[in-house]
């Protein structure tokens, strides 16, 4: 199980490094939250944004909610989580659900402006990561947890996707630098991809 977790985190880190080179500005859009308040994606410039698409009927989505709550508690000054409903629940159900699960981040019902804001939504949960400059730097298909989110964001910070300087700085921990590979005179193929 531990090896499986290491493989998943390594994949996410490598995937993040590859994606960070092709970051592009996320298109701005307007949406309403479950309280009826209007927001724009650009309102969150200066913060990291996790746009998390989910549904109340989706068991993997429900599994990640406690970690999203913990992440919000830990990083609320530098990160905003936007919980975009992918459809299937009406507004009263979303409000009741958010209260029952004590969701502490913004929840928005499905809207024309949100459903394909970052491209065609293929699976839920899906989480898009937007850096403080408004660039879409990563996408995670499937469940995210506290550790994998922190690792991904730290990776993007260390690869040049930096937050604008903010009073107090950014408190997301950086991962340890990778160890240099040992030289091999046998010219054997790298076994890294043959896990």
N, C-alpha and C. Protein backbone atom coordinates (compact mmCIF):
# COMPACT_ATOMS: atom_id res chain seq x y z
N UNK A 1 0.83 -1.20 0.00
CA UNK A 1 0.00 0.00 0.00
C UNK A 1 0.88 1.26 0.00
N UNK A 2 1.97 1.25 0.79
CA UNK A 2 2.86 2.41 0.85
C UNK A 2 3.51 2.64 -0.52
N UNK A 3 3.93 1.58 -1.20
CA UNK A 3 4.53 1.71 -2.53
C UNK A 3 3.53 2.31 -3.51
N UNK A 4 2.27 1.88 -3.40
CA UNK A 4 1.23 2.41 -4.27
C UNK A 4 1.07 3.92 -4.06
N UNK A 5 1.10 4.35 -2.81
CA UNK A 5 0.96 5.77 -2.49
C UNK A 5 2.15 6.56 -3.05
N UNK A 6 3.35 6.01 -2.92
CA UNK A 6 4.56 6.67 -3.44
C UNK A 6 4.47 6.80 -4.96
N UNK A 7 4.00 5.75 -5.62
CA UNK A 7 3.87 5.78 -7.08
C UNK A 7 2.87 6.86 -7.50
N UNK A 8 1.71 6.93 -6.81
CA UNK A 8 0.69 7.93 -7.14
C UNK A 8 1.24 9.34 -6.94
N UNK A 9 1.90 9.59 -5.82
CA UNK A 9 2.44 10.93 -5.54
C UNK A 9 3.53 11.27 -6.54
N UNK A 10 4.39 10.31 -6.88
CA UNK A 10 5.43 10.56 -7.87
C UNK A 10 4.81 10.91 -9.21
N UNK A 11 3.78 10.16 -9.61
CA UNK A 11 3.09 10.46 -10.87
C UNK A 11 2.51 11.86 -10.85
N UNK A 12 1.84 12.22 -9.75
CA UNK A 12 1.24 13.55 -9.65
C UNK A 12 2.30 14.64 -9.73
N UNK A 13 3.44 14.41 -9.07
CA UNK A 13 4.51 15.41 -9.12
C UNK A 13 5.07 15.54 -10.53
N UNK A 14 5.31 14.43 -11.20
CA UNK A 14 5.84 14.48 -12.57
C UNK A 14 4.81 15.11 -13.50
N UNK A 15 3.56 14.70 -13.36
CA UNK A 15 2.49 15.26 -14.18
C UNK A 15 2.41 16.77 -13.97
N UNK A 16 2.55 17.20 -12.71
CA UNK A 16 2.55 18.63 -12.41
C UNK A 16 3.70 19.36 -13.05
N UNK A 17 4.90 18.75 -13.05
CA UNK A 17 6.06 19.39 -13.67
C UNK A 17 5.86 19.54 -15.17
N UNK A 18 5.29 18.53 -15.80
CA UNK A 18 5.06 18.61 -17.24
C UNK A 18 4.03 19.67 -17.56
N UNK A 19 2.94 19.71 -16.79
CA UNK A 19 1.88 20.67 -17.05
C UNK A 19 2.27 22.10 -16.76
N UNK A 20 3.19 22.32 -15.79
CA UNK A 20 3.52 23.69 -15.41
C UNK A 20 4.20 24.44 -16.54
N UNK A 21 4.84 23.73 -17.45
CA UNK A 21 5.52 24.39 -18.56
C UNK A 21 4.51 24.97 -19.55
N UNK A 22 3.30 24.42 -19.58
CA UNK A 22 2.32 24.87 -20.56
C UNK A 22 1.15 25.60 -19.89
N UNK A 23 1.40 26.25 -18.77
CA UNK A 23 0.34 26.97 -18.07
C UNK A 23 -0.19 28.10 -18.94
N UNK A 24 -1.50 28.29 -18.89
CA UNK A 24 -2.12 29.38 -19.63
C UNK A 24 -3.13 30.07 -18.72
N UNK A 25 -3.40 31.32 -19.02
CA UNK A 25 -4.33 32.10 -18.22
C UNK A 25 -5.72 31.47 -18.29
N UNK A 26 -6.30 31.23 -17.12
CA UNK A 26 -7.65 30.66 -17.07
C UNK A 26 -8.64 31.74 -17.49
N UNK A 27 -9.58 31.38 -18.34
CA UNK A 27 -10.59 32.32 -18.80
C UNK A 27 -11.48 32.72 -17.62
N UNK A 28 -11.74 34.01 -17.50
CA UNK A 28 -12.55 34.51 -16.40
C UNK A 28 -14.03 34.18 -16.65
N UNK A 29 -14.76 33.93 -15.59
CA UNK A 29 -16.20 33.68 -15.70
C UNK A 29 -16.87 34.10 -14.40
N UNK A 30 -18.16 34.33 -14.48
CA UNK A 30 -18.97 34.75 -13.32
C UNK A 30 -19.88 33.60 -12.91
N UNK A 31 -20.08 33.47 -11.61
CA UNK A 31 -20.95 32.41 -11.10
C UNK A 31 -21.56 32.85 -9.77
N UNK A 32 -22.62 32.15 -9.36
CA UNK A 32 -23.26 32.41 -8.07
C UNK A 32 -23.04 31.22 -7.15
N UNK A 33 -22.84 31.52 -5.86
CA UNK A 33 -22.70 30.45 -4.87
C UNK A 33 -24.08 30.03 -4.36
N UNK A 34 -24.12 29.09 -3.43
CA UNK A 34 -25.41 28.58 -2.94
C UNK A 34 -26.19 29.62 -2.13
N UNK A 35 -25.53 30.72 -1.76
CA UNK A 35 -26.22 31.81 -1.05
C UNK A 35 -26.74 32.86 -2.01
N UNK A 36 -26.47 32.68 -3.32
CA UNK A 36 -26.93 33.63 -4.33
C UNK A 36 -25.96 34.78 -4.56
N UNK A 37 -24.80 34.76 -3.90
CA UNK A 37 -23.81 35.82 -4.09
C UNK A 37 -23.03 35.58 -5.38
N UNK A 38 -22.77 36.67 -6.10
CA UNK A 38 -22.06 36.59 -7.38
C UNK A 38 -20.56 36.67 -7.17
N UNK A 39 -19.82 35.88 -7.95
CA UNK A 39 -18.35 35.83 -7.88
C UNK A 39 -17.80 35.77 -9.30
N UNK A 40 -16.54 36.17 -9.45
CA UNK A 40 -15.79 35.97 -10.69
C UNK A 40 -14.52 35.22 -10.34
N UNK A 41 -14.04 34.39 -11.23
CA UNK A 41 -12.80 33.69 -10.98
C UNK A 41 -11.68 34.68 -10.68
N UNK A 42 -11.68 35.81 -11.39
CA UNK A 42 -10.61 36.81 -11.21
C UNK A 42 -10.66 37.46 -9.82
N UNK A 43 -11.76 37.31 -9.08
CA UNK A 43 -11.83 37.82 -7.70
C UNK A 43 -10.77 37.17 -6.81
N UNK A 44 -10.28 36.01 -7.23
CA UNK A 44 -9.37 35.23 -6.40
C UNK A 44 -7.90 35.39 -6.81
N UNK A 45 -7.60 36.35 -7.69
CA UNK A 45 -6.20 36.59 -8.06
C UNK A 45 -5.41 36.92 -6.80
N UNK A 46 -4.19 36.42 -6.75
CA UNK A 46 -3.36 36.61 -5.56
C UNK A 46 -3.44 35.40 -4.64
N UNK A 47 -4.38 34.49 -4.92
CA UNK A 47 -4.50 33.24 -4.15
C UNK A 47 -4.42 32.06 -5.11
N UNK A 48 -4.03 30.93 -4.59
CA UNK A 48 -4.17 29.69 -5.34
C UNK A 48 -5.66 29.35 -5.33
N UNK A 49 -6.16 28.78 -6.41
CA UNK A 49 -7.56 28.37 -6.49
C UNK A 49 -7.62 26.89 -6.85
N UNK A 50 -8.40 26.15 -6.10
CA UNK A 50 -8.70 24.76 -6.43
C UNK A 50 -10.16 24.72 -6.84
N UNK A 51 -10.42 24.56 -8.13
CA UNK A 51 -11.77 24.46 -8.65
C UNK A 51 -12.12 22.97 -8.68
N UNK A 52 -12.91 22.55 -7.70
CA UNK A 52 -13.21 21.14 -7.50
C UNK A 52 -14.63 20.85 -7.98
N UNK A 53 -14.75 20.01 -9.02
CA UNK A 53 -16.05 19.60 -9.55
C UNK A 53 -16.45 18.30 -8.88
N UNK A 54 -17.68 18.26 -8.38
CA UNK A 54 -18.13 17.14 -7.55
C UNK A 54 -19.65 17.01 -7.65
N UNK A 55 -20.17 15.99 -6.99
CA UNK A 55 -21.61 15.79 -6.90
C UNK A 55 -21.97 15.11 -5.59
N UNK A 56 -23.14 15.41 -5.06
CA UNK A 56 -23.55 14.83 -3.77
C UNK A 56 -23.76 13.32 -3.86
N UNK A 57 -24.00 12.80 -5.06
CA UNK A 57 -24.26 11.38 -5.30
C UNK A 57 -22.98 10.59 -5.58
N UNK A 58 -21.84 11.28 -5.65
CA UNK A 58 -20.57 10.68 -6.07
C UNK A 58 -19.75 10.27 -4.85
N UNK A 59 -19.63 8.96 -4.59
CA UNK A 59 -18.93 8.51 -3.38
C UNK A 59 -17.45 8.93 -3.35
N UNK A 60 -16.69 8.91 -4.47
CA UNK A 60 -15.32 9.42 -4.39
C UNK A 60 -15.28 10.92 -4.04
N UNK A 61 -16.28 11.67 -4.51
CA UNK A 61 -16.36 13.10 -4.18
C UNK A 61 -16.56 13.28 -2.68
N UNK A 62 -17.43 12.46 -2.10
CA UNK A 62 -17.70 12.56 -0.67
C UNK A 62 -16.47 12.18 0.15
N UNK A 63 -15.68 11.26 -0.40
CA UNK A 63 -14.47 10.81 0.29
C UNK A 63 -13.44 11.93 0.42
N UNK A 64 -13.37 12.83 -0.57
CA UNK A 64 -12.35 13.87 -0.53
C UNK A 64 -12.78 15.11 0.27
N UNK A 65 -14.07 15.25 0.57
CA UNK A 65 -14.55 16.45 1.27
C UNK A 65 -13.83 16.69 2.61
N UNK A 66 -13.64 15.69 3.48
CA UNK A 66 -12.94 15.98 4.74
C UNK A 66 -11.53 16.55 4.54
N UNK A 67 -10.81 16.07 3.53
CA UNK A 67 -9.47 16.62 3.27
C UNK A 67 -9.54 18.02 2.70
N UNK A 68 -10.56 18.31 1.88
CA UNK A 68 -10.73 19.67 1.37
C UNK A 68 -11.05 20.63 2.51
N UNK A 69 -11.82 20.17 3.49
CA UNK A 69 -12.13 20.99 4.67
C UNK A 69 -10.85 21.24 5.47
N UNK A 70 -10.06 20.20 5.70
CA UNK A 70 -8.79 20.35 6.42
C UNK A 70 -7.85 21.29 5.68
N UNK A 71 -7.79 21.14 4.37
CA UNK A 71 -6.91 21.99 3.56
C UNK A 71 -7.33 23.45 3.67
N UNK A 72 -8.64 23.70 3.63
CA UNK A 72 -9.14 25.07 3.79
C UNK A 72 -8.76 25.63 5.15
N UNK A 73 -8.94 24.85 6.20
CA UNK A 73 -8.57 25.31 7.54
C UNK A 73 -7.08 25.65 7.64
N UNK A 74 -6.27 24.85 6.98
CA UNK A 74 -4.81 25.01 7.07
C UNK A 74 -4.28 26.14 6.19
N UNK A 75 -4.93 26.40 5.04
CA UNK A 75 -4.38 27.35 4.06
C UNK A 75 -5.36 28.43 3.61
N UNK A 76 -6.32 28.80 4.45
CA UNK A 76 -7.38 29.71 3.99
C UNK A 76 -6.88 31.08 3.57
N UNK A 77 -5.71 31.52 4.05
CA UNK A 77 -5.20 32.84 3.66
C UNK A 77 -4.62 32.84 2.25
N UNK A 78 -4.07 31.72 1.81
CA UNK A 78 -3.41 31.70 0.51
C UNK A 78 -4.10 30.85 -0.55
N UNK A 79 -5.19 30.14 -0.18
CA UNK A 79 -5.85 29.25 -1.12
C UNK A 79 -7.37 29.40 -0.99
N UNK A 80 -8.06 29.36 -2.14
CA UNK A 80 -9.53 29.34 -2.16
C UNK A 80 -9.97 28.07 -2.86
N UNK A 81 -10.85 27.31 -2.22
CA UNK A 81 -11.44 26.15 -2.86
C UNK A 81 -12.83 26.55 -3.33
N UNK A 82 -13.10 26.27 -4.60
CA UNK A 82 -14.41 26.52 -5.19
C UNK A 82 -15.03 25.17 -5.51
N UNK A 83 -16.04 24.80 -4.77
CA UNK A 83 -16.72 23.51 -4.97
C UNK A 83 -17.85 23.67 -5.97
N UNK A 84 -17.59 23.31 -7.22
CA UNK A 84 -18.59 23.45 -8.28
C UNK A 84 -19.39 22.16 -8.43
N UNK A 85 -20.70 22.24 -8.17
CA UNK A 85 -21.57 21.09 -8.36
C UNK A 85 -21.60 20.74 -9.85
N UNK A 86 -21.48 19.47 -10.15
CA UNK A 86 -21.49 19.02 -11.54
C UNK A 86 -22.89 18.65 -12.02
N UNK A 87 -23.89 18.92 -11.20
CA UNK A 87 -25.27 18.62 -11.58
C UNK A 87 -25.83 17.46 -10.79
N UNK A 88 -27.14 17.34 -10.81
CA UNK A 88 -27.79 16.23 -10.14
C UNK A 88 -28.41 16.58 -8.79
N UNK A 89 -28.10 17.77 -8.25
CA UNK A 89 -28.69 18.20 -6.98
C UNK A 89 -29.29 19.59 -7.16
N UNK A 90 -30.48 19.78 -6.58
CA UNK A 90 -31.06 21.12 -6.66
C UNK A 90 -30.49 21.98 -5.52
N UNK A 91 -30.75 23.27 -5.59
CA UNK A 91 -30.16 24.22 -4.64
C UNK A 91 -30.49 23.90 -3.19
N UNK A 92 -31.75 23.62 -2.82
CA UNK A 92 -32.03 23.30 -1.41
C UNK A 92 -31.23 22.08 -0.91
N UNK A 93 -31.07 21.06 -1.78
CA UNK A 93 -30.29 19.88 -1.39
C UNK A 93 -28.82 20.24 -1.18
N UNK A 94 -28.27 21.09 -2.03
CA UNK A 94 -26.87 21.51 -1.88
C UNK A 94 -26.66 22.28 -0.58
N UNK A 95 -27.62 23.14 -0.25
CA UNK A 95 -27.52 23.91 0.99
C UNK A 95 -27.56 22.96 2.20
N UNK A 96 -28.51 22.05 2.21
CA UNK A 96 -28.63 21.08 3.30
C UNK A 96 -27.38 20.21 3.40
N UNK A 97 -26.91 19.72 2.25
CA UNK A 97 -25.73 18.88 2.20
C UNK A 97 -24.51 19.63 2.76
N UNK A 98 -24.31 20.88 2.34
CA UNK A 98 -23.16 21.69 2.79
C UNK A 98 -23.17 21.90 4.29
N UNK A 99 -24.36 22.10 4.84
CA UNK A 99 -24.48 22.27 6.30
C UNK A 99 -24.21 20.96 7.02
N UNK A 100 -24.76 19.86 6.51
CA UNK A 100 -24.58 18.56 7.15
C UNK A 100 -23.12 18.15 7.19
N UNK A 101 -22.40 18.39 6.08
CA UNK A 101 -20.99 18.01 6.00
C UNK A 101 -20.05 19.10 6.53
N UNK A 102 -20.63 20.24 6.96
CA UNK A 102 -19.86 21.36 7.51
C UNK A 102 -18.79 21.83 6.53
N UNK A 103 -19.18 21.96 5.26
CA UNK A 103 -18.26 22.41 4.22
C UNK A 103 -17.92 23.87 4.47
N UNK A 104 -16.63 24.15 4.58
CA UNK A 104 -16.16 25.49 4.93
C UNK A 104 -15.57 26.26 3.75
N UNK A 105 -15.77 25.76 2.55
CA UNK A 105 -15.32 26.45 1.35
C UNK A 105 -16.54 26.76 0.48
N UNK A 106 -16.34 27.60 -0.50
CA UNK A 106 -17.44 28.05 -1.35
C UNK A 106 -18.02 26.89 -2.15
N UNK A 107 -19.34 26.80 -2.16
CA UNK A 107 -20.05 25.79 -2.95
C UNK A 107 -20.96 26.54 -3.91
N UNK A 108 -20.92 26.13 -5.18
CA UNK A 108 -21.74 26.76 -6.21
C UNK A 108 -22.57 25.70 -6.93
N UNK A 109 -23.85 25.97 -7.12
CA UNK A 109 -24.67 25.02 -7.88
C UNK A 109 -24.25 25.01 -9.35
N UNK A 110 -24.63 23.97 -10.06
CA UNK A 110 -24.28 23.87 -11.48
C UNK A 110 -24.89 25.06 -12.23
N UNK A 111 -24.08 25.64 -13.11
CA UNK A 111 -24.50 26.79 -13.92
C UNK A 111 -23.84 26.67 -15.27
N UNK A 112 -24.44 27.31 -16.25
CA UNK A 112 -23.86 27.28 -17.59
C UNK A 112 -22.43 27.82 -17.59
N UNK A 113 -22.17 28.83 -16.78
CA UNK A 113 -20.83 29.45 -16.75
C UNK A 113 -19.78 28.55 -16.11
N UNK A 114 -20.19 27.64 -15.22
CA UNK A 114 -19.20 26.85 -14.48
C UNK A 114 -18.95 25.47 -15.07
N UNK A 115 -19.95 24.86 -15.66
CA UNK A 115 -19.85 23.43 -15.97
C UNK A 115 -18.69 23.07 -16.89
N UNK A 116 -18.39 23.90 -17.87
CA UNK A 116 -17.25 23.62 -18.75
C UNK A 116 -16.26 24.79 -18.78
N UNK A 117 -16.14 25.47 -17.65
CA UNK A 117 -15.29 26.66 -17.57
C UNK A 117 -13.82 26.36 -17.88
N UNK A 118 -13.37 25.14 -17.60
CA UNK A 118 -11.97 24.78 -17.83
C UNK A 118 -11.82 23.71 -18.91
N UNK A 119 -12.88 23.47 -19.66
CA UNK A 119 -12.88 22.43 -20.67
C UNK A 119 -14.00 21.45 -20.37
N UNK A 120 -14.17 20.49 -21.24
CA UNK A 120 -15.24 19.51 -21.07
C UNK A 120 -14.95 18.65 -19.84
N UNK A 121 -15.92 18.58 -18.96
CA UNK A 121 -15.79 17.80 -17.74
C UNK A 121 -16.08 16.33 -18.06
N UNK A 122 -15.06 15.50 -17.89
CA UNK A 122 -15.18 14.09 -18.28
C UNK A 122 -15.53 13.17 -17.10
N UNK A 123 -15.07 13.53 -15.91
CA UNK A 123 -15.24 12.65 -14.75
C UNK A 123 -15.29 13.53 -13.50
N UNK A 124 -16.01 13.04 -12.50
CA UNK A 124 -15.95 13.72 -11.20
C UNK A 124 -15.52 12.70 -10.15
N UNK A 125 -14.76 13.14 -9.17
CA UNK A 125 -14.27 14.50 -9.00
C UNK A 125 -13.14 14.84 -9.97
N UNK A 126 -13.08 16.10 -10.33
CA UNK A 126 -11.96 16.68 -11.09
C UNK A 126 -11.61 17.99 -10.41
N UNK A 127 -10.32 18.22 -10.20
CA UNK A 127 -9.87 19.44 -9.56
C UNK A 127 -8.88 20.16 -10.47
N UNK A 128 -9.16 21.42 -10.74
CA UNK A 128 -8.27 22.28 -11.52
C UNK A 128 -7.52 23.19 -10.55
N UNK A 129 -6.23 23.37 -10.80
CA UNK A 129 -5.42 24.23 -9.93
C UNK A 129 -5.01 25.46 -10.72
N UNK A 130 -5.38 26.62 -10.18
CA UNK A 130 -5.06 27.91 -10.80
C UNK A 130 -4.11 28.64 -9.87
N UNK A 131 -3.01 29.13 -10.41
CA UNK A 131 -2.02 29.80 -9.56
C UNK A 131 -2.46 31.23 -9.24
N UNK A 132 -1.75 31.91 -8.35
CA UNK A 132 -2.15 33.26 -7.94
C UNK A 132 -2.13 34.30 -9.07
N UNK A 133 -1.47 33.99 -10.18
CA UNK A 133 -1.46 34.88 -11.34
C UNK A 133 -2.64 34.61 -12.27
N UNK A 134 -3.47 33.62 -11.94
CA UNK A 134 -4.64 33.30 -12.76
C UNK A 134 -4.36 32.28 -13.84
N UNK A 135 -3.20 31.61 -13.77
CA UNK A 135 -2.87 30.60 -14.78
C UNK A 135 -3.32 29.22 -14.34
N UNK A 136 -3.94 28.50 -15.26
CA UNK A 136 -4.34 27.12 -15.02
C UNK A 136 -3.08 26.26 -15.13
N UNK A 137 -2.63 25.70 -14.00
CA UNK A 137 -1.35 24.99 -13.99
C UNK A 137 -1.47 23.49 -13.85
N UNK A 138 -2.65 22.99 -13.48
CA UNK A 138 -2.76 21.54 -13.32
C UNK A 138 -4.21 21.10 -13.29
N UNK A 139 -4.41 19.81 -13.49
CA UNK A 139 -5.74 19.19 -13.42
C UNK A 139 -5.55 17.80 -12.83
N UNK A 140 -6.38 17.46 -11.86
CA UNK A 140 -6.33 16.14 -11.24
C UNK A 140 -7.67 15.46 -11.46
N UNK A 141 -7.65 14.33 -12.13
CA UNK A 141 -8.86 13.52 -12.32
C UNK A 141 -8.93 12.53 -11.18
N UNK A 142 -10.04 12.50 -10.47
CA UNK A 142 -10.19 11.58 -9.35
C UNK A 142 -9.97 12.27 -8.02
N UNK A 143 -9.90 11.45 -6.98
CA UNK A 143 -9.83 11.94 -5.60
C UNK A 143 -8.53 12.67 -5.33
N UNK A 144 -8.64 13.79 -4.63
CA UNK A 144 -7.46 14.48 -4.10
C UNK A 144 -7.51 14.34 -2.58
N UNK A 145 -6.32 14.30 -1.97
CA UNK A 145 -6.27 14.31 -0.51
C UNK A 145 -5.33 15.43 -0.07
N UNK A 146 -5.30 15.68 1.21
CA UNK A 146 -4.53 16.79 1.76
C UNK A 146 -3.08 16.74 1.31
N UNK A 147 -2.45 15.60 1.45
CA UNK A 147 -1.03 15.46 1.12
C UNK A 147 -0.76 15.67 -0.38
N UNK A 148 -1.59 15.09 -1.24
CA UNK A 148 -1.34 15.22 -2.67
C UNK A 148 -1.55 16.66 -3.15
N UNK A 149 -2.53 17.36 -2.59
CA UNK A 149 -2.74 18.76 -2.97
C UNK A 149 -1.54 19.60 -2.56
N UNK A 150 -1.09 19.42 -1.33
CA UNK A 150 0.06 20.20 -0.86
C UNK A 150 1.30 19.89 -1.69
N UNK A 151 1.51 18.63 -2.03
CA UNK A 151 2.67 18.25 -2.86
C UNK A 151 2.59 18.89 -4.24
N UNK A 152 1.41 18.84 -4.86
CA UNK A 152 1.25 19.44 -6.19
C UNK A 152 1.51 20.94 -6.17
N UNK A 153 0.93 21.62 -5.20
CA UNK A 153 1.09 23.06 -5.14
C UNK A 153 2.54 23.45 -4.83
N UNK A 154 3.18 22.72 -3.95
CA UNK A 154 4.58 22.99 -3.64
C UNK A 154 5.45 22.75 -4.88
N UNK A 155 5.12 21.74 -5.65
CA UNK A 155 5.86 21.46 -6.88
C UNK A 155 5.74 22.63 -7.84
N UNK A 156 4.53 23.15 -8.02
CA UNK A 156 4.34 24.28 -8.92
C UNK A 156 5.06 25.53 -8.41
N UNK A 157 5.08 25.72 -7.11
CA UNK A 157 5.82 26.86 -6.56
C UNK A 157 7.30 26.74 -6.84
N UNK A 158 7.82 25.53 -6.78
CA UNK A 158 9.26 25.31 -6.96
C UNK A 158 9.68 25.23 -8.42
N UNK A 159 8.73 25.21 -9.35
CA UNK A 159 9.08 25.12 -10.76
C UNK A 159 8.80 26.42 -11.50
N UNK A 160 8.69 27.50 -10.76
CA UNK A 160 8.55 28.79 -11.40
C UNK A 160 7.15 29.36 -11.39
N UNK A 161 6.16 28.59 -11.00
CA UNK A 161 4.82 29.13 -10.89
C UNK A 161 4.72 29.71 -9.49
N UNK A 162 5.05 30.97 -9.36
CA UNK A 162 5.17 31.60 -8.05
C UNK A 162 3.99 32.51 -7.76
N UNK A 163 3.65 32.58 -6.50
CA UNK A 163 2.64 33.53 -6.05
C UNK A 163 3.24 34.92 -6.03
N UNK A 164 2.45 35.97 -6.31
CA UNK A 164 2.97 37.31 -6.15
C UNK A 164 3.34 37.51 -4.69
N UNK A 165 4.34 38.34 -4.44
CA UNK A 165 4.76 38.52 -3.05
C UNK A 165 3.59 39.07 -2.25
N UNK A 166 3.35 38.41 -1.13
CA UNK A 166 2.24 38.78 -0.27
C UNK A 166 2.79 38.98 1.13
N UNK A 167 2.15 39.87 1.86
CA UNK A 167 2.55 40.09 3.24
C UNK A 167 2.41 38.78 4.00
N UNK A 168 3.46 38.37 4.66
CA UNK A 168 3.44 37.13 5.43
C UNK A 168 3.88 35.92 4.63
N UNK A 169 3.95 36.03 3.31
CA UNK A 169 4.44 34.92 2.49
C UNK A 169 3.45 33.79 2.38
N UNK A 170 3.85 32.77 1.67
CA UNK A 170 3.00 31.61 1.44
C UNK A 170 3.47 30.48 2.34
N UNK A 171 2.58 29.86 3.08
CA UNK A 171 2.96 28.87 4.06
C UNK A 171 2.82 27.44 3.59
N UNK A 172 2.61 27.21 2.31
CA UNK A 172 2.50 25.84 1.82
C UNK A 172 3.90 25.25 1.80
N UNK A 173 4.11 24.13 2.49
CA UNK A 173 5.46 23.59 2.61
C UNK A 173 6.00 23.10 1.27
N UNK A 174 7.29 23.31 1.07
CA UNK A 174 7.95 22.84 -0.15
C UNK A 174 8.47 21.43 0.07
N UNK A 175 8.42 20.57 -0.95
CA UNK A 175 8.95 19.22 -0.79
C UNK A 175 10.47 19.25 -0.75
N UNK A 176 11.05 18.20 -0.20
CA UNK A 176 12.50 18.08 -0.18
C UNK A 176 13.01 17.99 -1.61
N UNK A 177 14.19 18.59 -1.90
CA UNK A 177 14.71 18.50 -3.26
C UNK A 177 15.01 17.05 -3.63
N UNK A 178 14.83 16.70 -4.91
CA UNK A 178 15.08 15.32 -5.32
C UNK A 178 16.56 14.98 -5.22
N UNK A 179 16.84 13.72 -4.90
CA UNK A 179 18.22 13.26 -4.84
C UNK A 179 18.76 13.09 -6.25
N UNK A 180 20.03 13.38 -6.41
CA UNK A 180 20.68 13.19 -7.71
C UNK A 180 20.77 11.70 -7.99
N UNK A 181 20.45 11.26 -9.21
CA UNK A 181 20.57 9.83 -9.52
C UNK A 181 22.03 9.43 -9.57
N UNK A 182 22.25 8.19 -9.17
CA UNK A 182 23.61 7.68 -9.22
C UNK A 182 23.98 7.40 -10.67
N UNK A 183 25.23 7.68 -11.00
CA UNK A 183 25.67 7.43 -12.38
C UNK A 183 25.83 5.95 -12.59
N UNK A 184 25.52 5.52 -13.81
CA UNK A 184 25.60 4.12 -14.15
C UNK A 184 26.36 4.00 -15.46
N UNK A 185 27.51 3.34 -15.41
CA UNK A 185 28.35 3.21 -16.59
C UNK A 185 27.86 2.12 -17.54
N UNK A 186 26.86 1.34 -17.14
CA UNK A 186 26.41 0.21 -17.96
C UNK A 186 25.43 0.63 -19.04
N UNK A 187 25.03 1.91 -19.08
CA UNK A 187 24.05 2.41 -20.04
C UNK A 187 22.76 1.59 -20.04
N UNK A 188 22.39 1.10 -18.86
CA UNK A 188 21.13 0.36 -18.75
C UNK A 188 19.99 1.33 -18.83
N UNK A 189 18.84 0.83 -19.28
CA UNK A 189 17.67 1.68 -19.34
C UNK A 189 17.24 2.03 -17.93
N UNK A 190 16.70 3.21 -17.79
CA UNK A 190 16.20 3.66 -16.49
C UNK A 190 14.98 2.85 -16.14
N UNK A 191 15.00 2.24 -14.94
CA UNK A 191 13.88 1.41 -14.49
C UNK A 191 12.75 2.21 -13.91
N UNK A 192 12.89 3.54 -13.86
CA UNK A 192 11.87 4.37 -13.22
C UNK A 192 10.50 4.16 -13.82
N UNK A 193 10.41 4.11 -15.13
CA UNK A 193 9.11 3.98 -15.78
C UNK A 193 8.60 2.55 -15.81
N UNK A 194 9.42 1.63 -15.38
CA UNK A 194 9.04 0.22 -15.38
C UNK A 194 8.60 -0.27 -14.02
N UNK A 195 7.96 0.62 -13.25
CA UNK A 195 7.50 0.23 -11.93
C UNK A 195 6.43 -0.81 -12.10
